[in-house]
N, C-alpha and C. Protein backbone atom coordinates (compact mmCIF):
# COMPACT_ATOMS: atom_id res chain seq x y z
N LEU A 1 -8.73 2.88 5.33
CA LEU A 1 -9.42 2.74 4.24
C LEU A 1 -9.50 4.26 3.43
N HIS A 2 -9.61 5.04 4.50
CA HIS A 2 -9.96 6.47 4.15
C HIS A 2 -8.79 6.88 3.71
N PHE A 3 -9.21 8.48 3.02
CA PHE A 3 -8.32 8.95 2.33
C PHE A 3 -8.28 10.61 3.05
N GLN A 4 -8.18 10.75 3.88
CA GLN A 4 -7.97 12.40 4.38
C GLN A 4 -6.42 12.96 4.24
N ARG A 5 -5.96 13.46 4.66
CA ARG A 5 -4.69 13.85 5.29
C ARG A 5 -3.95 13.17 6.37
N VAL A 6 -4.99 13.08 7.31
CA VAL A 6 -4.34 12.83 8.48
C VAL A 6 -4.13 11.43 7.83
N GLY A 7 -4.75 10.40 7.72
CA GLY A 7 -4.58 8.59 7.56
C GLY A 7 -3.70 8.75 6.66
N ILE A 8 -3.50 9.74 5.36
CA ILE A 8 -2.26 9.47 4.60
C ILE A 8 -0.63 9.81 5.13
N ILE A 9 -0.96 10.54 5.97
CA ILE A 9 0.51 10.96 6.66
C ILE A 9 0.04 9.21 7.60
N MET A 10 -0.59 9.02 8.07
CA MET A 10 0.07 7.45 8.60
C MET A 10 0.01 6.68 8.16
N ASN A 11 -0.66 6.71 6.80
CA ASN A 11 -0.12 5.30 5.72
C ASN A 11 0.94 5.27 5.24
N ILE A 12 1.46 6.57 5.04
CA ILE A 12 2.88 7.05 4.24
C ILE A 12 3.77 6.27 5.12
N ASN A 13 3.89 6.37 6.62
CA ASN A 13 4.50 5.62 7.43
C ASN A 13 4.36 4.27 7.40
N MET A 14 3.43 3.68 7.60
CA MET A 14 3.23 2.20 7.77
C MET A 14 3.25 1.31 6.74
N TYR A 15 2.88 1.93 5.38
CA TYR A 15 2.80 1.19 4.25
C TYR A 15 3.40 1.89 3.37
N ASP A 16 4.14 0.98 2.06
CA ASP A 16 4.26 1.13 0.94
C ASP A 16 3.41 1.26 -0.23
N SER A 17 3.56 1.87 -1.38
CA SER A 17 2.26 1.57 -1.81
C SER A 17 3.58 1.15 -3.34
N LEU A 18 2.82 0.99 -4.56
CA LEU A 18 4.02 0.63 -5.83
C LEU A 18 4.59 1.50 -6.07
N LEU A 19 4.40 2.75 -6.14
CA LEU A 19 5.30 3.85 -6.81
C LEU A 19 5.28 5.36 -5.68
N HIS A 20 6.28 5.53 -5.31
CA HIS A 20 6.17 7.14 -5.22
C HIS A 20 6.61 8.20 -5.89
N LYS A 21 6.66 9.63 -5.28
CA LYS A 21 6.65 10.46 -5.86
C LYS A 21 8.34 11.30 -5.48
N ASN A 22 9.43 11.86 -6.44
CA ASN A 22 10.31 11.89 -5.25
C ASN A 22 10.07 13.81 -5.38
N THR A 23 11.17 14.80 -4.88
CA THR A 23 10.74 16.11 -4.94
C THR A 23 10.64 16.89 -5.90
N LYS A 24 10.74 16.05 -7.22
CA LYS A 24 10.58 17.07 -8.74
C LYS A 24 8.90 16.45 -9.11
N LEU A 25 8.45 15.42 -8.04
CA LEU A 25 7.05 15.10 -8.62
C LEU A 25 7.53 14.19 -9.67
N GLU A 26 8.45 13.64 -9.94
CA GLU A 26 8.53 12.26 -10.62
C GLU A 26 8.36 10.81 -9.93
N TYR A 27 7.53 10.17 -11.03
CA TYR A 27 7.24 8.70 -10.20
C TYR A 27 8.63 8.21 -10.35
N GLU A 28 8.62 7.15 -8.86
CA GLU A 28 10.35 6.48 -8.78
C GLU A 28 9.76 5.47 -8.01
N PRO A 29 10.38 4.64 -8.58
CA PRO A 29 10.07 2.58 -7.63
C PRO A 29 9.85 2.80 -5.98
N SER A 30 9.05 2.07 -6.20
CA SER A 30 8.56 1.95 -4.10
C SER A 30 8.50 0.15 -4.22
N LEU A 31 7.17 -0.33 -3.65
CA LEU A 31 7.27 -1.85 -4.11
C LEU A 31 7.47 -2.30 -5.40
N ALA A 32 7.46 -1.59 -5.94
CA ALA A 32 7.05 -1.55 -7.53
C ALA A 32 8.41 -1.20 -8.33
N THR A 33 9.10 -2.27 -8.92
CA THR A 33 10.48 -1.73 -9.64
C THR A 33 11.10 -1.12 -10.67
N ALA A 34 9.80 -1.42 -11.80
CA ALA A 34 9.15 -0.97 -13.17
C ALA A 34 8.07 -1.13 -13.29
N TRP A 35 7.61 -0.90 -14.08
CA TRP A 35 6.11 -0.33 -14.69
C TRP A 35 6.08 -0.44 -16.37
N LYS A 36 5.31 -0.10 -17.02
CA LYS A 36 5.03 0.09 -18.46
C LYS A 36 3.82 -0.58 -18.42
N THR A 37 3.28 0.05 -20.00
CA THR A 37 1.92 -0.26 -20.16
C THR A 37 2.24 -1.21 -21.73
N LEU A 38 1.44 -2.35 -21.46
CA LEU A 38 1.57 -3.36 -22.72
C LEU A 38 -0.03 -3.21 -23.83
N ASP A 39 -0.91 -2.56 -23.47
CA ASP A 39 -2.25 -1.65 -24.49
C ASP A 39 -2.14 -0.49 -23.74
N ASP A 40 -3.54 -0.29 -24.71
CA ASP A 40 -4.21 0.79 -23.55
C ASP A 40 -4.71 0.83 -22.37
N THR A 41 -4.88 -0.56 -21.82
CA THR A 41 -6.27 -0.56 -21.40
C THR A 41 -5.06 -1.70 -19.91
N THR A 42 -3.87 -2.00 -20.23
CA THR A 42 -2.72 -2.99 -19.31
C THR A 42 -1.69 -2.24 -19.03
N TRP A 43 -1.24 -2.11 -17.18
CA TRP A 43 -0.05 -2.27 -17.24
C TRP A 43 0.55 -3.05 -16.14
N GLU A 44 2.04 -3.22 -16.81
CA GLU A 44 2.88 -4.34 -16.00
C GLU A 44 3.24 -3.70 -15.06
N PHE A 45 3.55 -4.15 -13.83
CA PHE A 45 4.30 -4.11 -12.61
C PHE A 45 5.40 -4.97 -12.34
N THR A 46 6.02 -4.25 -12.19
CA THR A 46 7.04 -5.71 -11.82
C THR A 46 7.54 -5.35 -10.47
N LEU A 47 7.79 -6.49 -9.46
CA LEU A 47 7.26 -5.92 -8.04
C LEU A 47 9.09 -6.57 -7.39
N ARG A 48 9.08 -5.76 -6.16
CA ARG A 48 10.46 -5.42 -5.83
C ARG A 48 10.62 -7.02 -5.11
N GLN A 49 11.88 -7.64 -4.83
CA GLN A 49 11.78 -8.86 -4.32
C GLN A 49 12.60 -8.91 -3.03
N GLY A 50 12.29 -9.30 -2.03
CA GLY A 50 12.99 -9.31 -1.10
C GLY A 50 12.58 -8.69 0.37
N VAL A 51 11.19 -7.87 -0.05
CA VAL A 51 10.65 -7.33 1.27
C VAL A 51 9.61 -8.22 1.84
N LYS A 52 9.73 -7.36 3.55
CA LYS A 52 9.26 -8.47 4.07
C LYS A 52 8.11 -7.16 4.93
N PHE A 53 7.10 -7.65 5.41
CA PHE A 53 6.26 -6.99 6.49
C PHE A 53 6.40 -6.74 7.59
N HIS A 54 5.85 -5.93 8.21
CA HIS A 54 6.08 -5.80 9.83
C HIS A 54 6.24 -7.08 10.33
N ASN A 55 5.03 -8.33 10.26
CA ASN A 55 5.46 -9.59 10.79
C ASN A 55 6.08 -10.32 10.33
N GLY A 56 7.16 -10.19 9.23
CA GLY A 56 7.98 -10.95 8.57
C GLY A 56 7.52 -11.31 7.67
N ASP A 57 6.57 -11.56 6.91
CA ASP A 57 5.77 -12.56 5.86
C ASP A 57 6.23 -11.92 4.68
N PRO A 58 6.66 -12.21 3.54
CA PRO A 58 7.37 -11.69 2.42
C PRO A 58 6.12 -11.00 1.43
N PHE A 59 6.48 -9.91 0.52
CA PHE A 59 5.38 -9.27 0.24
C PHE A 59 5.93 -10.19 -1.15
N SER A 60 4.03 -10.10 -2.18
CA SER A 60 4.36 -10.78 -3.43
C SER A 60 3.06 -10.22 -3.90
N ALA A 61 2.86 -10.76 -5.25
CA ALA A 61 1.69 -9.99 -6.14
C ALA A 61 0.98 -10.56 -5.35
N GLU A 62 0.54 -11.62 -4.49
CA GLU A 62 -0.87 -12.17 -3.85
C GLU A 62 -1.19 -10.82 -3.39
N ASP A 63 -0.51 -9.77 -2.41
CA ASP A 63 -0.83 -8.87 -1.63
C ASP A 63 -1.19 -7.56 -2.46
N VAL A 64 -0.64 -7.78 -3.84
CA VAL A 64 -0.78 -6.88 -4.19
C VAL A 64 -2.25 -6.71 -4.94
N LYS A 65 -3.00 -7.71 -5.42
CA LYS A 65 -4.15 -8.34 -5.58
C LYS A 65 -5.17 -8.08 -5.12
N PHE A 66 -4.87 -8.45 -3.67
CA PHE A 66 -6.13 -8.13 -2.56
C PHE A 66 -5.97 -6.93 -2.12
N SER A 67 -4.77 -6.03 -2.17
CA SER A 67 -5.51 -4.39 -1.68
C SER A 67 -6.02 -4.17 -2.81
N PHE A 68 -5.90 -4.53 -3.88
CA PHE A 68 -7.02 -3.19 -4.99
C PHE A 68 -7.81 -4.28 -4.47
N GLU A 69 -8.30 -5.57 -4.80
CA GLU A 69 -9.79 -5.95 -4.92
C GLU A 69 -10.69 -5.73 -3.89
N ARG A 70 -9.81 -5.83 -2.30
CA ARG A 70 -10.54 -5.36 -1.47
C ARG A 70 -10.93 -3.68 -1.74
N VAL A 71 -10.45 -2.87 -2.00
CA VAL A 71 -10.90 -1.38 -2.10
C VAL A 71 -11.91 -1.58 -3.25
N LEU A 72 -12.30 -2.62 -4.36
CA LEU A 72 -13.24 -2.68 -5.45
C LEU A 72 -14.00 -3.25 -5.19
N ASP A 73 -14.15 -3.87 -3.72
CA ASP A 73 -15.40 -4.65 -3.95
C ASP A 73 -17.03 -3.96 -2.99
N PRO A 74 -17.66 -4.17 -3.69
CA PRO A 74 -18.28 -2.78 -3.43
C PRO A 74 -19.09 -2.69 -1.45
N ALA A 75 -19.03 -4.50 -0.85
CA ALA A 75 -18.90 -4.63 0.02
C ALA A 75 -18.24 -4.30 1.04
N THR A 76 -17.30 -3.45 0.92
CA THR A 76 -16.13 -3.27 1.17
C THR A 76 -16.29 -1.39 1.93
N LYS A 77 -17.21 -0.91 0.54
CA LYS A 77 -17.60 0.29 0.56
C LYS A 77 -16.93 1.12 1.06
N SER A 78 -15.38 1.01 0.59
CA SER A 78 -14.17 2.19 0.84
C SER A 78 -14.29 3.48 0.07
N PRO A 79 -13.85 4.42 0.83
CA PRO A 79 -13.89 5.64 0.19
C PRO A 79 -12.73 5.76 -1.23
N GLN A 80 -11.73 4.87 -1.33
CA GLN A 80 -10.92 5.09 -2.00
C GLN A 80 -11.37 4.43 -3.15
N TYR A 81 -12.35 3.90 -3.80
CA TYR A 81 -12.84 3.57 -4.82
C TYR A 81 -12.95 4.18 -5.54
N GLY A 82 -13.24 5.50 -5.59
CA GLY A 82 -13.55 6.70 -6.41
C GLY A 82 -12.15 6.66 -7.36
N ASN A 83 -11.37 6.17 -6.79
CA ASN A 83 -9.80 6.28 -7.10
C ASN A 83 -9.22 5.39 -7.72
N ILE A 84 -9.38 4.27 -7.87
CA ILE A 84 -9.23 2.94 -8.49
C ILE A 84 -10.49 2.19 -9.33
N ARG A 85 -11.44 3.07 -9.26
CA ARG A 85 -12.69 2.48 -9.54
C ARG A 85 -12.50 1.87 -11.41
N ALA A 86 -11.45 2.57 -12.15
CA ALA A 86 -11.42 2.31 -13.54
C ALA A 86 -10.73 0.88 -13.49
N ILE A 87 -10.15 0.29 -12.47
CA ILE A 87 -9.82 -0.67 -12.24
C ILE A 87 -10.67 -2.00 -12.31
N LYS A 88 -10.44 -2.43 -13.68
CA LYS A 88 -10.65 -3.92 -13.92
C LYS A 88 -10.90 -4.87 -13.52
N GLU A 89 -9.77 -5.58 -13.17
CA GLU A 89 -8.68 -6.29 -12.81
C GLU A 89 -7.32 -6.24 -12.41
N VAL A 90 -6.96 -7.66 -11.68
CA VAL A 90 -5.65 -7.73 -11.82
C VAL A 90 -5.32 -8.19 -10.96
N LYS A 91 -4.01 -8.76 -12.66
CA LYS A 91 -4.16 -10.27 -12.76
C LYS A 91 -2.50 -10.52 -12.51
N ILE A 92 -2.25 -11.73 -11.48
CA ILE A 92 -1.08 -12.47 -11.41
C ILE A 92 -0.25 -12.70 -11.97
N ILE A 93 0.64 -12.25 -12.51
CA ILE A 93 1.53 -13.33 -13.88
C ILE A 93 2.45 -14.09 -13.21
N ASP A 94 3.18 -13.58 -12.02
CA ASP A 94 4.39 -14.36 -11.49
C ASP A 94 4.13 -14.08 -9.69
N ALA A 95 4.84 -14.72 -8.90
CA ALA A 95 5.18 -14.35 -8.12
C ALA A 95 5.85 -12.64 -7.84
N HIS A 96 5.90 -12.08 -8.65
CA HIS A 96 7.10 -11.14 -8.56
C HIS A 96 6.30 -9.76 -10.15
N THR A 97 5.11 -10.57 -10.51
CA THR A 97 4.52 -9.33 -11.72
C THR A 97 3.29 -9.71 -11.88
N VAL A 98 2.27 -8.07 -11.59
CA VAL A 98 1.10 -8.20 -12.16
C VAL A 98 0.54 -7.30 -13.46
N HIS A 99 -0.31 -7.11 -13.81
CA HIS A 99 -1.21 -6.79 -14.62
C HIS A 99 -2.28 -6.03 -14.09
N VAL A 100 -2.21 -4.79 -13.95
CA VAL A 100 -3.24 -3.87 -13.82
C VAL A 100 -4.40 -3.60 -15.28
N ILE A 101 -5.66 -4.17 -15.27
CA ILE A 101 -6.11 -3.81 -16.32
C ILE A 101 -7.52 -3.19 -15.94
N THR A 102 -7.38 -1.93 -16.75
CA THR A 102 -8.30 -0.75 -16.32
C THR A 102 -9.67 -1.50 -17.69
N HIS A 103 -11.04 -0.69 -17.07
CA HIS A 103 -12.12 -0.40 -18.00
C HIS A 103 -11.70 0.17 -19.46
N LYS A 104 -11.17 1.34 -19.74
CA LYS A 104 -10.61 1.87 -20.78
C LYS A 104 -9.11 2.73 -20.46
N PRO A 105 -9.00 3.14 -21.60
CA PRO A 105 -7.43 4.12 -20.51
C PRO A 105 -8.19 4.52 -19.94
N PHE A 106 -6.94 4.97 -18.99
CA PHE A 106 -7.04 5.29 -17.69
C PHE A 106 -5.66 6.29 -17.13
N PRO A 107 -5.52 7.29 -17.85
CA PRO A 107 -3.80 7.72 -17.45
C PRO A 107 -3.45 8.04 -16.49
N LEU A 108 -4.58 8.27 -15.59
CA LEU A 108 -4.32 8.66 -13.93
C LEU A 108 -3.91 7.73 -13.62
N LEU A 109 -3.98 6.10 -13.22
CA LEU A 109 -3.17 5.34 -13.17
C LEU A 109 -2.46 5.32 -12.31
N LEU A 110 -0.88 5.73 -12.32
CA LEU A 110 0.33 5.94 -11.82
C LEU A 110 -0.04 7.12 -10.37
N GLU A 111 -0.88 7.62 -10.91
CA GLU A 111 -1.07 8.75 -9.80
C GLU A 111 -1.51 7.78 -9.12
N ARG A 112 -2.92 7.31 -9.06
CA ARG A 112 -3.62 6.70 -7.94
C ARG A 112 -2.95 5.68 -7.41
N VAL A 113 -1.65 4.69 -7.88
CA VAL A 113 -0.90 4.10 -6.90
C VAL A 113 0.22 4.69 -6.19
N VAL A 114 0.35 5.59 -6.26
CA VAL A 114 1.62 6.76 -4.94
C VAL A 114 1.11 6.78 -4.14
N PHE A 115 -0.67 6.86 -3.49
CA PHE A 115 -0.36 6.39 -2.32
C PHE A 115 -1.52 5.30 -1.98
N PHE A 116 -1.67 4.51 -2.91
CA PHE A 116 -2.31 3.35 -2.48
C PHE A 116 -1.35 2.65 -1.53
N PRO A 117 -1.89 2.01 -0.66
CA PRO A 117 -1.49 1.30 0.81
C PRO A 117 -1.12 -0.41 -0.26
N ILE A 118 -0.41 -0.85 -0.04
CA ILE A 118 -0.46 -2.48 -0.25
C ILE A 118 -0.46 -3.06 1.05
N ILE A 119 -1.28 -4.03 1.43
CA ILE A 119 -1.02 -4.62 2.67
C ILE A 119 -1.30 -6.17 2.94
N PRO A 120 -0.65 -6.74 4.14
CA PRO A 120 -0.35 -8.74 3.07
C PRO A 120 -2.03 -8.80 3.63
N LYS A 121 -2.32 -10.14 2.23
CA LYS A 121 -3.21 -10.68 2.59
C LYS A 121 -3.58 -11.56 3.52
N LYS A 122 -2.49 -12.39 4.03
CA LYS A 122 -2.73 -13.34 5.27
C LYS A 122 -2.76 -13.06 6.33
N HIS A 123 -2.20 -11.77 6.66
CA HIS A 123 -2.33 -11.16 7.85
C HIS A 123 -3.66 -10.89 7.96
N PHE A 124 -4.23 -10.04 7.12
CA PHE A 124 -5.46 -8.95 7.08
C PHE A 124 -6.15 -10.42 7.27
N GLU A 125 -6.57 -11.56 6.66
CA GLU A 125 -7.55 -12.75 6.47
C GLU A 125 -7.80 -13.29 7.91
N LYS A 126 -6.51 -13.45 8.72
CA LYS A 126 -6.30 -14.03 9.74
C LYS A 126 -6.97 -12.91 11.20
N VAL A 127 -6.58 -11.66 10.86
CA VAL A 127 -7.08 -10.60 11.80
C VAL A 127 -8.72 -9.79 12.01
N GLY A 128 -8.74 -9.77 10.78
CA GLY A 128 -9.90 -9.11 9.98
C GLY A 128 -9.75 -7.84 10.02
N ALA A 129 -10.87 -7.38 9.44
CA ALA A 129 -10.97 -5.64 9.00
C ALA A 129 -10.54 -4.82 10.37
N GLN A 130 -11.80 -5.26 11.32
CA GLN A 130 -11.78 -4.41 12.53
C GLN A 130 -10.28 -4.25 13.19
N ALA A 131 -9.81 -5.43 13.25
CA ALA A 131 -8.72 -5.73 14.35
C ALA A 131 -7.38 -4.62 13.40
N PHE A 132 -7.20 -5.22 12.05
CA PHE A 132 -6.35 -4.91 11.26
C PHE A 132 -6.25 -3.22 11.30
N ALA A 133 -7.57 -2.32 11.56
CA ALA A 133 -7.72 -1.13 11.54
C ALA A 133 -6.92 -0.63 13.06
N GLN A 134 -7.39 -0.88 14.25
CA GLN A 134 -7.31 -0.90 15.27
C GLN A 134 -6.08 -1.23 16.17
N SER A 135 -5.84 -2.50 15.96
CA SER A 135 -4.59 -2.70 17.10
C SER A 135 -3.66 -3.81 16.41
N ALA A 136 -3.79 -4.16 14.76
CA ALA A 136 -2.61 -5.21 14.35
C ALA A 136 -2.41 -5.14 12.74
N PRO A 137 -2.54 -3.36 12.51
CA PRO A 137 -1.86 -3.29 10.83
C PRO A 137 -0.80 -3.75 11.10
N VAL A 138 -0.57 -3.88 9.67
CA VAL A 138 0.91 -4.09 9.24
C VAL A 138 0.96 -4.29 7.99
N GLY A 139 2.36 -3.05 7.94
CA GLY A 139 2.48 -3.04 6.36
C GLY A 139 4.00 -3.72 5.95
N THR A 140 4.20 -2.42 4.72
CA THR A 140 5.81 -2.93 4.48
C THR A 140 6.25 -1.34 4.96
N GLY A 141 5.96 -0.70 5.38
CA GLY A 141 6.35 1.08 5.29
C GLY A 141 7.62 0.90 6.34
N PRO A 142 8.27 2.11 6.58
CA PRO A 142 9.69 2.44 7.24
C PRO A 142 9.13 2.56 8.52
N TYR A 143 7.90 2.28 9.11
CA TYR A 143 7.65 2.54 10.56
C TYR A 143 6.51 1.64 10.80
N LYS A 144 6.65 0.63 11.76
CA LYS A 144 5.53 -0.10 12.42
C LYS A 144 4.55 0.05 13.68
N PHE A 145 3.80 -0.43 13.74
CA PHE A 145 2.27 0.14 14.63
C PHE A 145 3.17 -0.67 15.30
N VAL A 146 2.88 0.46 17.04
CA VAL A 146 2.88 0.29 18.29
C VAL A 146 1.78 0.35 19.08
N GLU A 147 1.18 0.90 18.99
CA GLU A 147 0.10 2.12 19.86
C GLU A 147 -0.80 2.90 18.99
N TRP A 148 -1.94 2.76 19.02
CA TRP A 148 -2.65 4.18 18.66
C TRP A 148 -4.16 4.06 20.08
N LYS A 149 -4.07 5.19 20.59
CA LYS A 149 -5.09 6.19 21.56
C LYS A 149 -6.07 6.69 20.72
N ARG A 150 -7.49 6.43 20.29
CA ARG A 150 -8.24 7.14 19.27
C ARG A 150 -8.12 8.92 20.10
N ASP A 151 -8.03 9.51 18.96
CA ASP A 151 -7.91 11.07 19.09
C ASP A 151 -7.12 11.77 20.05
N GLN A 152 -6.12 10.75 20.12
CA GLN A 152 -4.93 11.10 21.12
C GLN A 152 -3.49 11.41 20.27
N TYR A 153 -2.99 10.14 20.08
CA TYR A 153 -2.01 9.62 19.47
C TYR A 153 -2.00 8.62 18.67
N LEU A 154 -0.64 8.21 17.49
CA LEU A 154 -0.30 6.78 16.96
C LEU A 154 0.97 7.05 17.36
N LYS A 155 1.82 5.71 17.69
CA LYS A 155 3.14 5.23 18.20
C LYS A 155 3.31 4.38 17.03
N LEU A 156 4.68 4.92 16.39
CA LEU A 156 5.40 3.69 15.51
C LEU A 156 6.55 3.48 15.79
N GLU A 157 7.33 2.80 15.45
CA GLU A 157 8.39 2.69 15.78
C GLU A 157 8.42 2.07 14.42
N ARG A 158 10.56 2.10 14.55
CA ARG A 158 11.25 2.35 12.81
C ARG A 158 11.51 0.38 12.53
N PHE A 159 11.26 0.42 11.47
CA PHE A 159 11.14 -1.20 10.99
C PHE A 159 12.51 -1.13 10.73
N GLU A 160 13.57 -1.44 11.34
CA GLU A 160 14.73 -2.37 11.33
C GLU A 160 15.05 -2.95 9.60
N GLU A 161 14.13 -3.31 8.88
CA GLU A 161 14.26 -4.62 8.27
C GLU A 161 13.47 -3.55 6.88
N HIS A 162 13.54 -2.39 6.42
CA HIS A 162 12.66 -1.53 5.66
C HIS A 162 13.77 -1.90 4.40
N TRP A 163 13.07 -2.02 3.25
CA TRP A 163 13.51 -2.65 1.86
C TRP A 163 14.90 -1.51 1.50
N ARG A 164 14.11 -0.20 2.36
CA ARG A 164 15.30 0.90 2.19
C ARG A 164 16.65 1.35 3.12
N GLY A 165 16.49 0.31 4.02
CA GLY A 165 17.02 0.63 4.97
C GLY A 165 16.47 1.38 6.29
N PRO A 166 16.59 1.31 7.13
CA PRO A 166 16.24 1.97 8.64
C PRO A 166 15.86 3.52 8.33
N ALA A 167 14.75 3.58 8.98
CA ALA A 167 14.49 4.93 8.91
C ALA A 167 15.26 6.04 10.12
N SER A 168 15.49 7.22 9.53
CA SER A 168 16.36 7.97 10.73
C SER A 168 16.11 7.80 12.33
N PHE A 169 15.03 7.79 12.29
CA PHE A 169 14.39 8.47 13.88
C PHE A 169 13.61 6.94 14.18
N LYS A 170 14.27 6.23 15.53
CA LYS A 170 13.61 5.05 16.15
C LYS A 170 12.19 5.12 16.26
N ASN A 171 11.88 6.07 17.06
CA ASN A 171 10.41 6.12 17.22
C ASN A 171 8.99 7.28 16.41
N LEU A 172 7.91 7.51 16.24
CA LEU A 172 7.55 8.47 15.94
C LEU A 172 6.31 8.57 16.33
N ILE A 173 5.67 9.85 17.07
CA ILE A 173 4.10 9.45 17.39
C ILE A 173 3.44 10.66 16.13
N ILE A 174 2.60 10.28 16.36
CA ILE A 174 1.70 11.33 15.03
C ILE A 174 0.57 11.71 16.48
N ARG A 175 -0.02 12.46 16.65
CA ARG A 175 -0.74 13.26 16.92
C ARG A 175 -1.67 14.73 16.13
N VAL A 176 -2.67 14.38 15.94
CA VAL A 176 -3.78 15.18 15.66
C VAL A 176 -3.90 16.73 16.62
N ILE A 177 -3.97 17.43 16.25
CA ILE A 177 -3.86 18.82 16.78
C ILE A 177 -5.30 19.89 16.04
């Protein structure tokens, strides 16, 4: 849930977001293959098909809606809330299309979805928030969770079925110094 630099480094390896930025800081497709505005407060995102989470579950619009609603829920008390609080609603149009509706025009929406991790609804509901955060995180990113030792390291392993293809390195260890 947090949005600190260390968390972002971990998240971008385990989770994908709807968009990412290239080296020229231009928006490029990630879990969304296309996006457009429908009116002043509605964005349509077309979702990438054939994407799997690390546990084998298929990625869908349900996961996008759940990920945003979880952060927008006041009970979650997410530090990310401020980044997306302009979002009024996420509507599922079909399995691969969502509409993100804002309270008023929000020109920063694309910027806000660049580092916004999409998580699997079914898996999260099955394991719960604490296990998801500590021992059972699952994403669609290039690396999958192996082990976490608080204040020591995070061990990740290449996700062979990543939609971009396997990452260059088999193992990744993140140590915060």
